[in-house]
Amino acid sequence: MIKKVALLFLLILVMPIINSEIYGHSFTTDESVLYLTLVDKLKAHAKLIEQFILENNYESAIQHSKLLKQIYTKEINDEIQ
């Protein structure tokens, strides 16, 4: 009986960890952190653009396209290449 309760308790603790995303936090400002932040911003705007196009909300899609263009500058493109 105690083994069953312990196993059930362990499953209750472990299942949310298995089924959820794990988020990390970094307090340094090295280039890799800045790059990953840039990539996340670009992905977020790209997803919003796609969503707004599918919803026929072209004005919002255009606004997010302009924001994406402001974030992804020629300098960043040159640095990536």
PDB file of N, CA and C in Angstrom:
ATOM      1  N   MET A   1       0.825  -1.194   0.000  1.00  0.00           N
ATOM      2  CA  MET A   1       0.000   0.000   0.000  1.00  0.00           C
ATOM      3  C   MET A   1       0.872   1.261   0.000  1.00  0.00           C
ATOM      4  N   ILE A   2       1.912   1.277   0.825  1.00  0.00           N
ATOM      5  CA  ILE A   2       2.792   2.436   0.900  1.00  0.00           C
ATOM      6  C   ILE A   2       3.520   2.620  -0.429  1.00  0.00           C
ATOM      7  N   LYS A   3       3.896   1.522  -1.074  1.00  0.00           N
ATOM      8  CA  LYS A   3       4.564   1.617  -2.368  1.00  0.00           C
ATOM      9  C   LYS A   3       3.635   2.236  -3.414  1.00  0.00           C
ATOM     10  N   LYS A   4       2.357   1.863  -3.389  1.00  0.00           N
ATOM     11  CA  LYS A   4       1.398   2.413  -4.341  1.00  0.00           C
ATOM     12  C   LYS A   4       1.213   3.909  -4.119  1.00  0.00           C
ATOM     13  N   VAL A   5       1.129   4.331  -2.873  1.00  0.00           N
ATOM     14  CA  VAL A   5       0.965   5.750  -2.553  1.00  0.00           C
ATOM     15  C   VAL A   5       2.216   6.523  -2.960  1.00  0.00           C
ATOM     16  N   ALA A   6       3.383   5.962  -2.696  1.00  0.00           N
ATOM     17  CA  ALA A   6       4.632   6.615  -3.070  1.00  0.00           C
ATOM     18  C   ALA A   6       4.744   6.734  -4.595  1.00  0.00           C
ATOM     19  N   LEU A   7       4.364   5.680  -5.307  1.00  0.00           N
ATOM     20  CA  LEU A   7       4.405   5.715  -6.765  1.00  0.00           C
ATOM     21  C   LEU A   7       3.424   6.746  -7.313  1.00  0.00           C
ATOM     22  N   LEU A   8       2.224   6.791  -6.759  1.00  0.00           N
ATOM     23  CA  LEU A   8       1.232   7.776  -7.175  1.00  0.00           C
ATOM     24  C   LEU A   8       1.735   9.195  -6.908  1.00  0.00           C
ATOM     25  N   PHE A   9       2.313   9.408  -5.753  1.00  0.00           N
ATOM     26  CA  PHE A   9       2.857  10.724  -5.406  1.00  0.00           C
ATOM     27  C   PHE A   9       3.979  11.116  -6.369  1.00  0.00           C
ATOM     28  N   LEU A  10       4.843  10.161  -6.686  1.00  0.00           N
ATOM     29  CA  LEU A  10       5.936  10.416  -7.622  1.00  0.00           C
ATOM     30  C   LEU A  10       5.400  10.763  -9.015  1.00  0.00           C
ATOM     31  N   LEU A  11       4.382  10.059  -9.474  1.00  0.00           N
ATOM     32  CA  LEU A  11       3.786  10.353 -10.771  1.00  0.00           C
ATOM     33  C   LEU A  11       3.148  11.737 -10.790  1.00  0.00           C
ATOM     34  N   ILE A  12       2.510  12.106  -9.702  1.00  0.00           N
ATOM     35  CA  ILE A  12       1.894  13.433  -9.615  1.00  0.00           C
ATOM     36  C   ILE A  12       2.964  14.513  -9.706  1.00  0.00           C
ATOM     37  N   LEU A  13       4.121  14.280  -9.128  1.00  0.00           N
ATOM     38  CA  LEU A  13       5.204  15.256  -9.182  1.00  0.00           C
ATOM     39  C   LEU A  13       5.891  15.295 -10.537  1.00  0.00           C
ATOM     40  N   VAL A  14       6.066  14.142 -11.173  1.00  0.00           N
ATOM     41  CA  VAL A  14       6.853  14.055 -12.392  1.00  0.00           C
ATOM     42  C   VAL A  14       6.044  14.397 -13.640  1.00  0.00           C
ATOM     43  N   MET A  15       4.787  14.056 -13.709  1.00  0.00           N
ATOM     44  CA  MET A  15       3.998  14.256 -14.921  1.00  0.00           C
ATOM     45  C   MET A  15       3.938  15.710 -15.379  1.00  0.00           C
ATOM     46  N   PRO A  16       3.716  16.680 -14.497  1.00  0.00           N
ATOM     47  CA  PRO A  16       3.711  18.064 -14.998  1.00  0.00           C
ATOM     48  C   PRO A  16       5.051  18.494 -15.581  1.00  0.00           C
ATOM     49  N   ILE A  17       6.134  17.957 -15.081  1.00  0.00           N
ATOM     50  CA  ILE A  17       7.454  18.302 -15.599  1.00  0.00           C
ATOM     51  C   ILE A  17       7.638  17.710 -16.991  1.00  0.00           C
ATOM     52  N   ILE A  18       7.171  16.507 -17.198  1.00  0.00           N
ATOM     53  CA  ILE A  18       7.322  15.841 -18.487  1.00  0.00           C
ATOM     54  C   ILE A  18       6.474  16.533 -19.549  1.00  0.00           C
ATOM     55  N   ASN A  19       5.278  16.971 -19.201  1.00  0.00           N
ATOM     56  CA  ASN A  19       4.341  17.524 -20.174  1.00  0.00           C
ATOM     57  C   ASN A  19       4.437  19.027 -20.347  1.00  0.00           C
ATOM     58  N   SER A  20       5.369  19.684 -19.737  1.00  0.00           N
ATOM     59  CA  SER A  20       5.428  21.135 -19.847  1.00  0.00           C
ATOM     60  C   SER A  20       6.776  21.570 -20.409  1.00  0.00           C
ATOM     61  N   GLU A  21       6.803  22.807 -20.878  1.00  0.00           N
ATOM     62  CA  GLU A  21       8.054  23.371 -21.354  1.00  0.00           C
ATOM     63  C   GLU A  21       8.839  23.883 -20.155  1.00  0.00           C
ATOM     64  N   ILE A  22      10.131  23.819 -20.258  1.00  0.00           N
ATOM     65  CA  ILE A  22      10.990  24.303 -19.190  1.00  0.00           C
ATOM     66  C   ILE A  22      11.631  25.598 -19.663  1.00  0.00           C
ATOM     67  N   TYR A  23      11.492  26.633 -18.876  1.00  0.00           N
ATOM     68  CA  TYR A  23      12.035  27.933 -19.235  1.00  0.00           C
ATOM     69  C   TYR A  23      13.278  28.207 -18.400  1.00  0.00           C
ATOM     70  N   GLY A  24      14.257  28.808 -19.014  1.00  0.00           N
ATOM     71  CA  GLY A  24      15.481  29.167 -18.321  1.00  0.00           C
ATOM     72  C   GLY A  24      15.643  30.672 -18.301  1.00  0.00           C
ATOM     73  N   HIS A  25      16.513  31.128 -17.487  1.00  0.00           N
ATOM     74  CA  HIS A  25      16.752  32.556 -17.390  1.00  0.00           C
ATOM     75  C   HIS A  25      18.249  32.787 -17.300  1.00  0.00           C
ATOM     76  N   SER A  26      18.729  33.735 -18.066  1.00  0.00           N
ATOM     77  CA  SER A  26      20.143  34.053 -18.053  1.00  0.00           C
ATOM     78  C   SER A  26      20.313  35.521 -17.712  1.00  0.00           C
ATOM     79  N   PHE A  27      21.220  35.818 -16.830  1.00  0.00           N
ATOM     80  CA  PHE A  27      21.445  37.188 -16.415  1.00  0.00           C
ATOM     81  C   PHE A  27      22.709  37.775 -17.042  1.00  0.00           C
ATOM     82  N   THR A  28      23.309  37.037 -17.961  1.00  0.00           N
ATOM     83  CA  THR A  28      24.483  37.564 -18.641  1.00  0.00           C
ATOM     84  C   THR A  28      24.050  38.210 -19.952  1.00  0.00           C
ATOM     85  N   THR A  29      24.891  39.069 -20.491  1.00  0.00           N
ATOM     86  CA  THR A  29      24.563  39.716 -21.763  1.00  0.00           C
ATOM     87  C   THR A  29      25.610  39.374 -22.814  1.00  0.00           C
ATOM     88  N   ASP A  30      25.976  38.115 -22.887  1.00  0.00           N
ATOM     89  CA  ASP A  30      26.939  37.734 -23.908  1.00  0.00           C
ATOM     90  C   ASP A  30      26.240  37.625 -25.264  1.00  0.00           C
ATOM     91  N   GLU A  31      27.022  37.437 -26.310  1.00  0.00           N
ATOM     92  CA  GLU A  31      26.485  37.444 -27.665  1.00  0.00           C
ATOM     93  C   GLU A  31      25.476  36.333 -27.912  1.00  0.00           C
ATOM     94  N   SER A  32      25.678  35.164 -27.322  1.00  0.00           N
ATOM     95  CA  SER A  32      24.747  34.060 -27.565  1.00  0.00           C
ATOM     96  C   SER A  32      23.367  34.375 -26.996  1.00  0.00           C
ATOM     97  N   VAL A  33      23.313  35.010 -25.848  1.00  0.00           N
ATOM     98  CA  VAL A  33      22.024  35.380 -25.254  1.00  0.00           C
ATOM     99  C   VAL A  33      21.339  36.428 -26.116  1.00  0.00           C
ATOM    100  N   LEU A  34      22.087  37.408 -26.587  1.00  0.00           N
ATOM    101  CA  LEU A  34      21.507  38.438 -27.443  1.00  0.00           C
ATOM    102  C   LEU A  34      21.029  37.841 -28.760  1.00  0.00           C
ATOM    103  N   TYR A  35      21.779  36.899 -29.301  1.00  0.00           N
ATOM    104  CA  TYR A  35      21.386  36.245 -30.546  1.00  0.00           C
ATOM    105  C   TYR A  35      20.099  35.442 -30.348  1.00  0.00           C
ATOM    106  N   LEU A  36      20.027  34.681 -29.273  1.00  0.00           N
ATOM    107  CA  LEU A  36      18.828  33.888 -29.014  1.00  0.00           C
ATOM    108  C   LEU A  36      17.606  34.786 -28.791  1.00  0.00           C
ATOM    109  N   THR A  37      17.800  35.917 -28.151  1.00  0.00           N
ATOM    110  CA  THR A  37      16.710  36.870 -27.965  1.00  0.00           C
ATOM    111  C   THR A  37      16.246  37.403 -29.308  1.00  0.00           C
ATOM    112  N   LEU A  38      17.179  37.723 -30.178  1.00  0.00           N
ATOM    113  CA  LEU A  38      16.836  38.202 -31.514  1.00  0.00           C
ATOM    114  C   LEU A  38      16.050  37.145 -32.277  1.00  0.00           C
ATOM    115  N   VAL A  39      16.503  35.910 -32.227  1.00  0.00           N
ATOM    116  CA  VAL A  39      15.826  34.823 -32.925  1.00  0.00           C
ATOM    117  C   VAL A  39      14.403  34.655 -32.393  1.00  0.00           C
ATOM    118  N   ASP A  40      14.231  34.732 -31.080  1.00  0.00           N
ATOM    119  CA  ASP A  40      12.894  34.619 -30.493  1.00  0.00           C
ATOM    120  C   ASP A  40      11.979  35.746 -30.947  1.00  0.00           C
ATOM    121  N   LYS A  41      12.498  36.953 -31.018  1.00  0.00           N
ATOM    122  CA  LYS A  41      11.699  38.089 -31.498  1.00  0.00           C
ATOM    123  C   LYS A  41      11.283  37.878 -32.950  1.00  0.00           C
ATOM    124  N   LEU A  42      12.226  37.446 -33.778  1.00  0.00           N
ATOM    125  CA  LEU A  42      11.919  37.214 -35.188  1.00  0.00           C
ATOM    126  C   LEU A  42      10.868  36.123 -35.355  1.00  0.00           C
ATOM    127  N   LYS A  43      11.007  35.043 -34.601  1.00  0.00           N
ATOM    128  CA  LYS A  43      10.039  33.957 -34.676  1.00  0.00           C
ATOM    129  C   LYS A  43       8.662  34.413 -34.225  1.00  0.00           C
ATOM    130  N   ALA A  44       8.603  35.212 -33.177  1.00  0.00           N
ATOM    131  CA  ALA A  44       7.311  35.688 -32.668  1.00  0.00           C
ATOM    132  C   ALA A  44       6.611  36.553 -33.708  1.00  0.00           C
ATOM    133  N   HIS A  45       7.345  37.469 -34.317  1.00  0.00           N
ATOM    134  CA  HIS A  45       6.739  38.326 -35.336  1.00  0.00           C
ATOM    135  C   HIS A  45       6.332  37.511 -36.566  1.00  0.00           C
ATOM    136  N   ALA A  46       7.136  36.548 -36.958  1.00  0.00           N
ATOM    137  CA  ALA A  46       6.802  35.716 -38.113  1.00  0.00           C
ATOM    138  C   ALA A  46       5.524  34.914 -37.853  1.00  0.00           C
ATOM    139  N   LYS A  47       5.391  34.386 -36.646  1.00  0.00           N
ATOM    140  CA  LYS A  47       4.175  33.651 -36.304  1.00  0.00           C
ATOM    141  C   LYS A  47       2.953  34.564 -36.311  1.00  0.00           C
ATOM    142  N   LEU A  48       3.115  35.777 -35.797  1.00  0.00           N
ATOM    143  CA  LEU A  48       2.003  36.719 -35.805  1.00  0.00           C
ATOM    144  C   LEU A  48       1.624  37.108 -37.229  1.00  0.00           C
ATOM    145  N   ILE A  49       2.606  37.317 -38.076  1.00  0.00           N
ATOM    146  CA  ILE A  49       2.323  37.648 -39.474  1.00  0.00           C
ATOM    147  C   ILE A  49       1.512  36.528 -40.116  1.00  0.00           C
ATOM    148  N   GLU A  50       1.960  35.298 -39.923  1.00  0.00           N
ATOM    149  CA  GLU A  50       1.249  34.150 -40.487  1.00  0.00           C
ATOM    150  C   GLU A  50      -0.181  34.074 -39.958  1.00  0.00           C
ATOM    151  N   GLN A  51      -0.339  34.255 -38.654  1.00  0.00           N
ATOM    152  CA  GLN A  51      -1.663  34.197 -38.036  1.00  0.00           C
ATOM    153  C   GLN A  51      -2.585  35.280 -38.594  1.00  0.00           C
ATOM    154  N   PHE A  52      -2.078  36.497 -38.712  1.00  0.00           N
ATOM    155  CA  PHE A  52      -2.905  37.588 -39.213  1.00  0.00           C
ATOM    156  C   PHE A  52      -3.265  37.399 -40.687  1.00  0.00           C
ATOM    157  N   ILE A  53      -2.358  36.845 -41.476  1.00  0.00           N
ATOM    158  CA  ILE A  53      -2.681  36.571 -42.880  1.00  0.00           C
ATOM    159  C   ILE A  53      -3.784  35.527 -42.975  1.00  0.00           C
ATOM    160  N   LEU A  54      -3.685  34.478 -42.165  1.00  0.00           N
ATOM    161  CA  LEU A  54      -4.721  33.442 -42.168  1.00  0.00           C
ATOM    162  C   LEU A  54      -6.075  33.989 -41.725  1.00  0.00           C
ATOM    163  N   GLU A  55      -6.054  34.998 -40.868  1.00  0.00           N
ATOM    164  CA  GLU A  55      -7.296  35.619 -40.387  1.00  0.00           C
ATOM    165  C   GLU A  55      -7.749  36.772 -41.287  1.00  0.00           C
ATOM    166  N   ASN A  56      -7.054  36.960 -42.403  1.00  0.00           N
ATOM    167  CA  ASN A  56      -7.342  38.071 -43.330  1.00  0.00           C
ATOM    168  C   ASN A  56      -7.217  39.434 -42.665  1.00  0.00           C
ATOM    169  N   ASN A  57      -6.377  39.542 -41.674  1.00  0.00           N
ATOM    170  CA  ASN A  57      -6.108  40.807 -40.991  1.00  0.00           C
ATOM    171  C   ASN A  57      -4.789  41.349 -41.545  1.00  0.00           C
ATOM    172  N   TYR A  58      -4.878  41.869 -42.755  1.00  0.00           N
ATOM    173  CA  TYR A  58      -3.676  42.263 -43.484  1.00  0.00           C
ATOM    174  C   TYR A  58      -2.998  43.492 -42.885  1.00  0.00           C
ATOM    175  N   GLU A  59      -3.759  44.392 -42.296  1.00  0.00           N
ATOM    176  CA  GLU A  59      -3.167  45.593 -41.697  1.00  0.00           C
ATOM    177  C   GLU A  59      -2.218  45.215 -40.553  1.00  0.00           C
ATOM    178  N   SER A  60      -2.663  44.311 -39.687  1.00  0.00           N
ATOM    179  CA  SER A  60      -1.796  43.860 -38.590  1.00  0.00           C
ATOM    180  C   SER A  60      -0.602  43.073 -39.115  1.00  0.00           C
ATOM    181  N   ALA A  61      -0.817  42.287 -40.165  1.00  0.00           N
ATOM    182  CA  ALA A  61       0.291  41.540 -40.761  1.00  0.00           C
ATOM    183  C   ALA A  61       1.342  42.495 -41.309  1.00  0.00           C
ATOM    184  N   ILE A  62       0.894  43.569 -41.947  1.00  0.00           N
ATOM    185  CA  ILE A  62       1.830  44.560 -42.477  1.00  0.00           C
ATOM    186  C   ILE A  62       2.584  45.256 -41.350  1.00  0.00           C
ATOM    187  N   GLN A  63       1.883  45.593 -40.270  1.00  0.00           N
ATOM    188  CA  GLN A  63       2.544  46.239 -39.124  1.00  0.00           C
ATOM    189  C   GLN A  63       3.635  45.348 -38.550  1.00  0.00           C
ATOM    190  N   HIS A  64       3.344  44.069 -38.404  1.00  0.00           N
ATOM    191  CA  HIS A  64       4.347  43.160 -37.844  1.00  0.00           C
ATOM    192  C   HIS A  64       5.467  42.890 -38.846  1.00  0.00           C
ATOM    193  N   SER A  65       5.172  42.958 -40.125  1.00  0.00           N
ATOM    194  CA  SER A  65       6.227  42.834 -41.129  1.00  0.00           C
ATOM    195  C   SER A  65       7.200  43.997 -41.023  1.00  0.00           C
ATOM    196  N   LYS A  66       6.652  45.185 -40.808  1.00  0.00           N
ATOM    197  CA  LYS A  66       7.513  46.362 -40.650  1.00  0.00           C
ATOM    198  C   LYS A  66       8.358  46.255 -39.386  1.00  0.00           C
ATOM    199  N   LEU A  67       7.758  45.763 -38.297  1.00  0.00           N
ATOM    200  CA  LEU A  67       8.528  45.576 -37.058  1.00  0.00           C
ATOM    201  C   LEU A  67       9.629  44.539 -37.255  1.00  0.00           C
ATOM    202  N   LEU A  68       9.304  43.462 -37.958  1.00  0.00           N
ATOM    203  CA  LEU A  68      10.298  42.430 -38.224  1.00  0.00           C
ATOM    204  C   LEU A  68      11.438  43.003 -39.051  1.00  0.00           C
ATOM    205  N   LYS A  69      11.105  43.848 -40.031  1.00  0.00           N
ATOM    206  CA  LYS A  69      12.129  44.468 -40.857  1.00  0.00           C
ATOM    207  C   LYS A  69      13.014  45.404 -40.036  1.00  0.00           C
ATOM    208  N   GLN A  70      12.434  46.093 -39.042  1.00  0.00           N
ATOM    209  CA  GLN A  70      13.225  46.967 -38.166  1.00  0.00           C
ATOM    210  C   GLN A  70      14.182  46.158 -37.295  1.00  0.00           C
ATOM    211  N   ILE A  71      13.746  45.001 -36.863  1.00  0.00           N
ATOM    212  CA  ILE A  71      14.580  44.160 -35.991  1.00  0.00           C
ATOM    213  C   ILE A  71      15.705  43.510 -36.797  1.00  0.00           C
ATOM    214  N   TYR A  72      15.365  42.987 -37.975  1.00  0.00           N
ATOM    215  CA  TYR A  72      16.344  42.276 -38.799  1.00  0.00           C
ATOM    216  C   TYR A  72      17.005  43.269 -39.759  1.00  0.00           C
ATOM    217  N   THR A  73      18.025  43.917 -39.279  1.00  0.00           N
ATOM    218  CA  THR A  73      18.702  44.955 -40.044  1.00  0.00           C
ATOM    219  C   THR A  73      19.788  44.354 -40.937  1.00  0.00           C
ATOM    220  N   LYS A  74      20.317  45.178 -41.828  1.00  0.00           N
ATOM    221  CA  LYS A  74      21.414  44.761 -42.706  1.00  0.00           C
ATOM    222  C   LYS A  74      22.635  44.372 -41.881  1.00  0.00           C
ATOM    223  N   GLU A  75      22.880  45.106 -40.810  1.00  0.00           N
ATOM    224  CA  GLU A  75      24.038  44.811 -39.953  1.00  0.00           C
ATOM    225  C   GLU A  75      23.915  43.423 -39.327  1.00  0.00           C
ATOM    226  N   ILE A  76      22.725  43.089 -38.891  1.00  0.00           N
ATOM    227  CA  ILE A  76      22.514  41.771 -38.293  1.00  0.00           C
ATOM    228  C   ILE A  76      22.685  40.697 -39.361  1.00  0.00           C
ATOM    229  N   ASN A  77      22.151  40.925 -40.547  1.00  0.00           N
ATOM    230  CA  ASN A  77      22.311  39.982 -41.634  1.00  0.00           C
ATOM    231  C   ASN A  77      23.792  39.785 -41.972  1.00  0.00           C
ATOM    232  N   ASP A  78      24.533  40.870 -42.047  1.00  0.00           N
ATOM    233  CA  ASP A  78      25.975  40.775 -42.323  1.00  0.00           C
ATOM    234  C   ASP A  78      26.710  39.995 -41.235  1.00  0.00           C
ATOM    235  N   GLU A  79      26.317  40.228 -39.985  1.00  0.00           N
ATOM    236  CA  GLU A  79      26.968  39.535 -38.864  1.00  0.00           C
ATOM    237  C   GLU A  79      26.675  38.042 -38.883  1.00  0.00           C
ATOM    238  N   ILE A  80      25.469  37.670 -39.255  1.00  0.00           N
ATOM    239  CA  ILE A  80      25.102  36.263 -39.303  1.00  0.00           C
ATOM    240  C   ILE A  80      25.863  35.557 -40.421  1.00  0.00           C
ATOM    241  N   GLN A  81      26.027  36.235 -41.552  1.00  0.00           N
ATOM    242  CA  GLN A  81      26.728  35.607 -42.680  1.00  0.00           C
ATOM    243  C   GLN A  81      28.191  35.624 -42.388  1.00  0.00           C
TER     244      GLN A  81
END
